[in-house]
Structure formats: structure tokens, C-alpha cells
Amino acid sequence: EDFSYSVSAHNCTEDCGHIVEVLHHETGEFTRIKPINDLILRERKVAGILWEQYKSHHILGIGINLFPSDLPVDIAATAGSVFTDLIDLDLKAMVTELWRKLDRGLFFSDWSLDEAELKARLLPFDQSK
């Protein structure tokens, strides 16, 4: 396939910064960036991003460990989660805020969603797991 990892470290660091802002808004805690693509909270990795390029398109992957119960057993001893307990999280609002920070005309420039349409397209989130 035509995948490439040539997207600059600047993009990864900048987008990590956007995630830091959103997590700070949700938790009141400051997350550190471990260059170039990991986010550290309470001395554990809680999130990471991956930028890839496929032909003329950029693909951004974001993984955020929200709750301890979501962690696979094999990484639970080393990875962390944003929240230490299940809380009443408005995940749609959190994703919408992150989307707005990332949508700066670089890779969503072909289209834009208003907030209602964006929330309607998000998959349901079951916190009871």
C-alpha cells in the first residue's frame, strides 16, 4: 500500500496539544506530551496519536484510554486512564470539542459539520462496560 510516515513531527505535537487542552477541560489536570505522539497523565500513558499519509490524504488516529476498566489486561500495569473511576461523561461533547480543535482546514477542509450533525454521527457510547 502507499502508506507513509512522512507527516511531520510538528503535526503530531500540535495535535497532542489539542488533546491536552480537551483533557484539561474535562479533568482539571495537566497532561504532558512525550514527543512525539504520547500523552502522559499521572506518570502513565493515557493517549497516543498516529499520523499517516495515504496517497494525497492524511489519516489521523487518536486513542484515548478513558476508564481503567477499558484497559486490556496485558497493558493495565503500565498504561493509565484519563479517569480513575466511571463518571457521568458527556463523551459527545468531549469529542465535539476535540473535533473543533482539530478542524482547522488542514484535513477536514472539504466539508464541515454543524454541532448537531456531528453529534448525530457519533456512535453510541456505553459507559456500563
N, C-alpha and C. Protein backbone atom coordinates (compact mmCIF):
# COMPACT_ATOMS: atom_id res chain seq x y z
N GLU A 1 0.84 -1.18 0.00
CA GLU A 1 0.00 0.00 0.00
C GLU A 1 0.89 1.25 0.00
N ASP A 2 0.28 2.37 -0.26
CA ASP A 2 1.02 3.63 -0.33
C ASP A 2 0.96 4.39 0.99
N PHE A 3 1.26 3.72 2.10
CA PHE A 3 1.26 4.41 3.38
C PHE A 3 2.63 4.99 3.65
N SER A 4 2.66 6.12 4.29
CA SER A 4 3.92 6.79 4.58
C SER A 4 3.85 7.39 5.98
N TYR A 5 4.98 7.45 6.64
CA TYR A 5 5.06 8.08 7.96
C TYR A 5 5.80 9.41 7.86
N SER A 6 5.70 10.05 6.70
CA SER A 6 6.47 11.27 6.47
C SER A 6 5.80 12.53 7.00
N VAL A 7 4.61 12.40 7.56
CA VAL A 7 3.95 13.58 8.11
C VAL A 7 4.82 14.10 9.25
N SER A 8 4.97 15.38 9.33
CA SER A 8 5.95 15.96 10.25
C SER A 8 5.63 15.73 11.71
N ALA A 9 6.67 15.72 12.51
CA ALA A 9 6.52 15.62 13.96
C ALA A 9 5.74 16.81 14.49
N HIS A 10 5.82 17.94 13.79
CA HIS A 10 5.08 19.13 14.21
C HIS A 10 3.58 18.85 14.24
N ASN A 11 3.07 18.13 13.24
CA ASN A 11 1.64 17.80 13.21
C ASN A 11 1.26 16.97 14.42
N CYS A 12 2.06 15.95 14.74
CA CYS A 12 1.77 15.10 15.89
C CYS A 12 1.77 15.90 17.18
N THR A 13 2.79 16.72 17.37
CA THR A 13 2.90 17.50 18.60
C THR A 13 1.77 18.51 18.70
N GLU A 14 1.44 19.15 17.60
CA GLU A 14 0.35 20.13 17.62
C GLU A 14 -0.97 19.47 17.98
N ASP A 15 -1.25 18.32 17.39
CA ASP A 15 -2.50 17.64 17.68
C ASP A 15 -2.51 17.06 19.09
N CYS A 16 -1.36 16.62 19.59
CA CYS A 16 -1.28 16.22 21.00
C CYS A 16 -1.66 17.40 21.89
N GLY A 17 -1.21 18.59 21.52
CA GLY A 17 -1.55 19.79 22.29
C GLY A 17 -3.05 20.03 22.34
N HIS A 18 -3.75 19.77 21.24
CA HIS A 18 -5.21 19.93 21.23
C HIS A 18 -5.86 18.92 22.17
N ILE A 19 -5.36 17.70 22.18
CA ILE A 19 -5.91 16.68 23.08
C ILE A 19 -5.64 17.06 24.53
N VAL A 20 -4.44 17.59 24.81
CA VAL A 20 -4.11 18.06 26.17
C VAL A 20 -5.13 19.09 26.63
N GLU A 21 -5.47 20.04 25.76
CA GLU A 21 -6.44 21.08 26.12
C GLU A 21 -7.80 20.48 26.46
N VAL A 22 -8.25 19.53 25.66
CA VAL A 22 -9.56 18.90 25.90
C VAL A 22 -9.53 18.10 27.21
N LEU A 23 -8.46 17.33 27.43
CA LEU A 23 -8.37 16.54 28.66
C LEU A 23 -8.29 17.44 29.89
N HIS A 24 -7.59 18.56 29.77
CA HIS A 24 -7.52 19.50 30.89
C HIS A 24 -8.91 20.06 31.19
N HIS A 25 -9.65 20.36 30.16
CA HIS A 25 -11.01 20.88 30.34
C HIS A 25 -11.88 19.85 31.06
N GLU A 26 -11.71 18.57 30.74
CA GLU A 26 -12.53 17.51 31.33
C GLU A 26 -12.09 17.12 32.74
N THR A 27 -10.78 17.18 33.01
CA THR A 27 -10.27 16.65 34.29
C THR A 27 -9.72 17.71 35.23
N GLY A 28 -9.33 18.86 34.71
CA GLY A 28 -8.66 19.86 35.53
C GLY A 28 -7.19 19.54 35.75
N GLU A 29 -6.71 18.44 35.18
CA GLU A 29 -5.31 18.03 35.33
C GLU A 29 -4.56 18.32 34.03
N PHE A 30 -3.26 18.54 34.18
CA PHE A 30 -2.43 18.79 33.01
C PHE A 30 -1.76 17.50 32.55
N THR A 31 -1.90 17.22 31.28
CA THR A 31 -1.29 16.06 30.65
C THR A 31 -0.01 16.51 29.97
N ARG A 32 1.05 15.72 30.10
CA ARG A 32 2.32 16.04 29.45
C ARG A 32 2.40 15.34 28.09
N ILE A 33 3.12 15.96 27.18
CA ILE A 33 3.37 15.35 25.87
C ILE A 33 4.74 14.70 25.92
N LYS A 34 4.79 13.40 25.62
CA LYS A 34 6.06 12.70 25.47
C LYS A 34 6.29 12.61 23.96
N PRO A 35 7.22 13.43 23.45
CA PRO A 35 7.39 13.52 22.00
C PRO A 35 7.58 12.14 21.38
N ILE A 36 7.00 11.90 20.24
CA ILE A 36 6.24 12.91 19.52
C ILE A 36 4.73 12.68 19.59
N ASN A 37 4.32 11.53 20.11
CA ASN A 37 2.89 11.24 19.97
C ASN A 37 2.22 10.59 21.17
N ASP A 38 2.81 10.65 22.34
CA ASP A 38 2.20 10.05 23.53
C ASP A 38 1.78 11.14 24.51
N LEU A 39 0.71 10.87 25.25
CA LEU A 39 0.25 11.78 26.30
C LEU A 39 0.34 11.06 27.63
N ILE A 40 0.95 11.73 28.59
CA ILE A 40 1.22 11.15 29.90
C ILE A 40 0.43 11.91 30.96
N LEU A 41 -0.30 11.17 31.78
CA LEU A 41 -1.06 11.75 32.89
C LEU A 41 -0.82 10.88 34.11
N ARG A 42 -0.47 11.51 35.22
CA ARG A 42 -0.15 10.78 36.45
C ARG A 42 0.91 9.69 36.18
N GLU A 43 1.93 10.07 35.40
CA GLU A 43 3.09 9.22 35.07
C GLU A 43 2.76 7.96 34.27
N ARG A 44 1.61 7.95 33.61
CA ARG A 44 1.25 6.81 32.76
C ARG A 44 0.73 7.29 31.42
N LYS A 45 0.98 6.51 30.38
CA LYS A 45 0.48 6.86 29.05
C LYS A 45 -1.04 6.66 29.02
N VAL A 46 -1.75 7.73 28.68
CA VAL A 46 -3.21 7.66 28.61
C VAL A 46 -3.74 7.85 27.19
N ALA A 47 -2.89 8.31 26.29
CA ALA A 47 -3.36 8.55 24.92
C ALA A 47 -2.17 8.57 23.97
N GLY A 48 -2.49 8.40 22.71
CA GLY A 48 -1.48 8.49 21.67
C GLY A 48 -2.14 8.82 20.35
N ILE A 49 -1.35 9.37 19.46
CA ILE A 49 -1.87 9.67 18.13
C ILE A 49 -0.94 9.09 17.08
N LEU A 50 -1.48 8.89 15.91
CA LEU A 50 -0.70 8.39 14.78
C LEU A 50 -1.14 9.13 13.54
N TRP A 51 -0.19 9.76 12.89
CA TRP A 51 -0.42 10.43 11.60
C TRP A 51 0.15 9.54 10.52
N GLU A 52 -0.62 9.25 9.50
CA GLU A 52 -0.13 8.53 8.33
C GLU A 52 -0.56 9.28 7.08
N GLN A 53 0.14 9.04 6.02
CA GLN A 53 -0.25 9.61 4.74
C GLN A 53 -0.54 8.47 3.79
N TYR A 54 -1.68 8.52 3.14
CA TYR A 54 -2.06 7.54 2.13
C TYR A 54 -2.33 8.30 0.84
N LYS A 55 -1.45 8.14 -0.12
CA LYS A 55 -1.52 8.89 -1.37
C LYS A 55 -1.57 10.38 -1.05
N SER A 56 -2.64 11.07 -1.42
CA SER A 56 -2.69 12.51 -1.14
C SER A 56 -3.50 12.83 0.12
N HIS A 57 -3.85 11.82 0.89
CA HIS A 57 -4.68 12.03 2.08
C HIS A 57 -3.88 11.79 3.36
N HIS A 58 -4.19 12.55 4.37
CA HIS A 58 -3.61 12.33 5.69
C HIS A 58 -4.64 11.62 6.55
N ILE A 59 -4.18 10.67 7.34
CA ILE A 59 -5.05 9.91 8.23
C ILE A 59 -4.55 10.12 9.65
N LEU A 60 -5.43 10.55 10.52
CA LEU A 60 -5.09 10.79 11.92
C LEU A 60 -5.83 9.79 12.78
N GLY A 61 -5.08 9.02 13.57
CA GLY A 61 -5.68 8.09 14.52
C GLY A 61 -5.42 8.59 15.93
N ILE A 62 -6.45 8.58 16.75
CA ILE A 62 -6.33 9.03 18.14
C ILE A 62 -6.85 7.93 19.04
N GLY A 63 -6.07 7.54 20.03
CA GLY A 63 -6.51 6.57 21.03
C GLY A 63 -6.40 7.19 22.40
N ILE A 64 -7.51 7.19 23.14
CA ILE A 64 -7.53 7.75 24.49
C ILE A 64 -8.10 6.71 25.43
N ASN A 65 -7.34 6.33 26.45
CA ASN A 65 -7.83 5.42 27.48
C ASN A 65 -8.65 6.23 28.47
N LEU A 66 -9.95 6.07 28.46
CA LEU A 66 -10.80 6.88 29.32
C LEU A 66 -10.97 6.31 30.72
N PHE A 67 -11.21 5.00 30.83
CA PHE A 67 -11.51 4.39 32.12
C PHE A 67 -10.63 3.17 32.36
N PRO A 68 -10.28 2.87 33.62
CA PRO A 68 -9.42 1.72 33.91
C PRO A 68 -10.01 0.40 33.41
N SER A 69 -11.32 0.28 33.45
CA SER A 69 -11.96 -0.97 33.02
C SER A 69 -11.80 -1.21 31.52
N ASP A 70 -11.45 -0.17 30.77
CA ASP A 70 -11.26 -0.31 29.32
C ASP A 70 -9.89 -0.85 28.94
N LEU A 71 -8.96 -0.90 29.89
CA LEU A 71 -7.59 -1.29 29.58
C LEU A 71 -7.47 -2.80 29.43
N PRO A 72 -6.82 -3.26 28.36
CA PRO A 72 -6.55 -4.70 28.24
C PRO A 72 -5.64 -5.16 29.37
N VAL A 73 -5.80 -6.39 29.79
CA VAL A 73 -5.05 -6.93 30.92
C VAL A 73 -3.54 -6.81 30.70
N ASP A 74 -3.07 -7.05 29.47
CA ASP A 74 -1.63 -7.07 29.22
C ASP A 74 -0.96 -5.70 29.34
N ILE A 75 -1.71 -4.60 29.32
CA ILE A 75 -1.09 -3.29 29.48
C ILE A 75 -1.58 -2.54 30.72
N ALA A 76 -2.49 -3.14 31.47
CA ALA A 76 -3.09 -2.46 32.62
C ALA A 76 -2.05 -2.06 33.67
N ALA A 77 -0.95 -2.78 33.76
CA ALA A 77 0.07 -2.45 34.76
C ALA A 77 0.91 -1.25 34.37
N THR A 78 0.96 -0.93 33.09
CA THR A 78 1.81 0.18 32.64
C THR A 78 1.04 1.35 32.07
N ALA A 79 -0.11 1.10 31.49
CA ALA A 79 -0.90 2.18 30.89
C ALA A 79 -1.78 2.83 31.96
N GLY A 80 -2.24 4.02 31.66
CA GLY A 80 -3.14 4.71 32.57
C GLY A 80 -4.43 5.04 31.88
N SER A 81 -5.33 5.66 32.63
CA SER A 81 -6.59 6.11 32.05
C SER A 81 -6.85 7.54 32.51
N VAL A 82 -7.58 8.27 31.71
CA VAL A 82 -7.86 9.67 32.00
C VAL A 82 -8.64 9.79 33.30
N PHE A 83 -9.65 8.95 33.46
CA PHE A 83 -10.48 8.98 34.66
C PHE A 83 -10.17 7.75 35.50
N THR A 84 -10.13 7.90 36.81
CA THR A 84 -9.81 6.78 37.68
C THR A 84 -11.04 5.94 38.00
N ASP A 85 -12.21 6.50 37.88
CA ASP A 85 -13.47 5.80 38.12
C ASP A 85 -14.45 6.15 37.01
N LEU A 86 -15.49 5.34 36.87
CA LEU A 86 -16.54 5.68 35.92
C LEU A 86 -17.22 6.96 36.38
N ILE A 87 -17.41 7.87 35.46
CA ILE A 87 -18.10 9.12 35.77
C ILE A 87 -19.17 9.34 34.72
N ASP A 88 -20.01 10.30 34.97
CA ASP A 88 -21.04 10.66 34.00
C ASP A 88 -20.41 11.60 32.99
N LEU A 89 -19.78 11.03 31.98
CA LEU A 89 -19.03 11.78 30.97
C LEU A 89 -19.90 12.05 29.76
N ASP A 90 -19.93 13.29 29.33
CA ASP A 90 -20.62 13.63 28.08
C ASP A 90 -19.60 13.44 26.96
N LEU A 91 -19.48 12.20 26.51
CA LEU A 91 -18.47 11.86 25.51
C LEU A 91 -18.70 12.61 24.21
N LYS A 92 -19.96 12.79 23.83
CA LYS A 92 -20.24 13.50 22.59
C LYS A 92 -19.74 14.94 22.66
N ALA A 93 -19.91 15.59 23.81
CA ALA A 93 -19.41 16.96 23.96
C ALA A 93 -17.88 16.98 23.91
N MET A 94 -17.25 15.98 24.53
CA MET A 94 -15.79 15.91 24.54
C MET A 94 -15.25 15.71 23.12
N VAL A 95 -15.86 14.79 22.37
CA VAL A 95 -15.42 14.53 21.00
C VAL A 95 -15.68 15.75 20.12
N THR A 96 -16.81 16.40 20.33
CA THR A 96 -17.13 17.61 19.55
C THR A 96 -16.09 18.69 19.80
N GLU A 97 -15.69 18.88 21.06
CA GLU A 97 -14.67 19.88 21.39
C GLU A 97 -13.34 19.53 20.72
N LEU A 98 -12.96 18.27 20.79
CA LEU A 98 -11.71 17.85 20.15
C LEU A 98 -11.79 18.03 18.64
N TRP A 99 -12.91 17.66 18.05
CA TRP A 99 -13.10 17.82 16.61
C TRP A 99 -12.91 19.26 16.20
N ARG A 100 -13.52 20.17 16.95
CA ARG A 100 -13.43 21.61 16.62
C ARG A 100 -11.97 22.09 16.67
N LYS A 101 -11.20 21.58 17.62
CA LYS A 101 -9.80 21.98 17.71
C LYS A 101 -8.98 21.43 16.55
N LEU A 102 -9.31 20.22 16.11
CA LEU A 102 -8.57 19.60 15.02
C LEU A 102 -9.00 20.12 13.65
N ASP A 103 -10.24 20.55 13.53
CA ASP A 103 -10.77 21.01 12.24
C ASP A 103 -10.32 22.43 11.97
N ARG A 104 -9.12 22.54 11.48
CA ARG A 104 -8.52 23.85 11.23
C ARG A 104 -8.20 24.03 9.75
N GLY A 105 -8.94 23.31 8.92
CA GLY A 105 -8.77 23.47 7.49
C GLY A 105 -7.65 22.67 6.88
N LEU A 106 -6.94 21.86 7.68
CA LEU A 106 -5.84 21.09 7.12
C LEU A 106 -6.31 19.80 6.47
N PHE A 107 -7.19 19.09 7.16
CA PHE A 107 -7.60 17.83 6.60
C PHE A 107 -9.10 17.62 6.61
N PHE A 108 -9.87 18.56 7.15
CA PHE A 108 -11.32 18.50 7.07
C PHE A 108 -11.83 19.62 6.18
N SER A 109 -11.00 20.16 5.32
CA SER A 109 -11.37 21.35 4.57
C SER A 109 -12.44 21.10 3.51
N ASP A 110 -12.63 19.85 3.10
CA ASP A 110 -13.62 19.56 2.06
C ASP A 110 -15.05 19.65 2.57
N TRP A 111 -15.25 19.52 3.88
CA TRP A 111 -16.60 19.52 4.42
C TRP A 111 -16.55 19.94 5.87
N SER A 112 -17.67 20.31 6.38
CA SER A 112 -17.75 20.70 7.78
C SER A 112 -19.13 20.34 8.29
N LEU A 113 -19.21 19.93 9.54
CA LEU A 113 -20.48 19.56 10.16
C LEU A 113 -20.83 20.57 11.23
N ASP A 114 -22.12 20.89 11.33
CA ASP A 114 -22.50 21.70 12.48
C ASP A 114 -22.57 20.76 13.69
N GLU A 115 -22.66 21.34 14.88
CA GLU A 115 -22.57 20.54 16.10
C GLU A 115 -23.65 19.46 16.18
N ALA A 116 -24.88 19.78 15.80
CA ALA A 116 -25.97 18.80 15.86
C ALA A 116 -25.71 17.62 14.93
N GLU A 117 -25.23 17.92 13.72
CA GLU A 117 -24.95 16.84 12.77
C GLU A 117 -23.77 15.99 13.24
N LEU A 118 -22.75 16.63 13.79
CA LEU A 118 -21.60 15.89 14.29
C LEU A 118 -22.03 14.94 15.40
N LYS A 119 -22.78 15.44 16.38
CA LYS A 119 -23.23 14.60 17.49
C LYS A 119 -24.11 13.45 16.99
N ALA A 120 -24.91 13.71 15.97
CA ALA A 120 -25.78 12.67 15.43
C ALA A 120 -24.99 11.56 14.76
N ARG A 121 -23.80 11.87 14.25
CA ARG A 121 -22.99 10.87 13.55
C ARG A 121 -22.12 10.05 14.49
N LEU A 122 -21.95 10.47 15.73
CA LEU A 122 -21.11 9.73 16.67
C LEU A 122 -21.79 8.44 17.08
N LEU A 123 -21.01 7.40 17.20
CA LEU A 123 -21.55 6.13 17.65
C LEU A 123 -21.93 6.22 19.12
N PRO A 124 -22.94 5.47 19.54
CA PRO A 124 -23.31 5.49 20.97
C PRO A 124 -22.15 4.98 21.82
N PHE A 125 -22.07 5.48 23.03
CA PHE A 125 -21.01 5.09 23.96
C PHE A 125 -21.65 4.49 25.19
N ASP A 126 -21.28 3.26 25.51
CA ASP A 126 -21.86 2.57 26.66
C ASP A 126 -20.85 2.59 27.80
N GLN A 127 -21.11 3.41 28.83
CA GLN A 127 -20.20 3.50 29.97
C GLN A 127 -20.38 2.37 30.95
N SER A 128 -21.36 1.52 30.76
CA SER A 128 -21.62 0.45 31.73
C SER A 128 -20.66 -0.72 31.58
N LYS A 129 -19.83 -0.72 30.53
CA LYS A 129 -18.88 -1.82 30.32
C LYS A 129 -17.78 -1.79 31.34
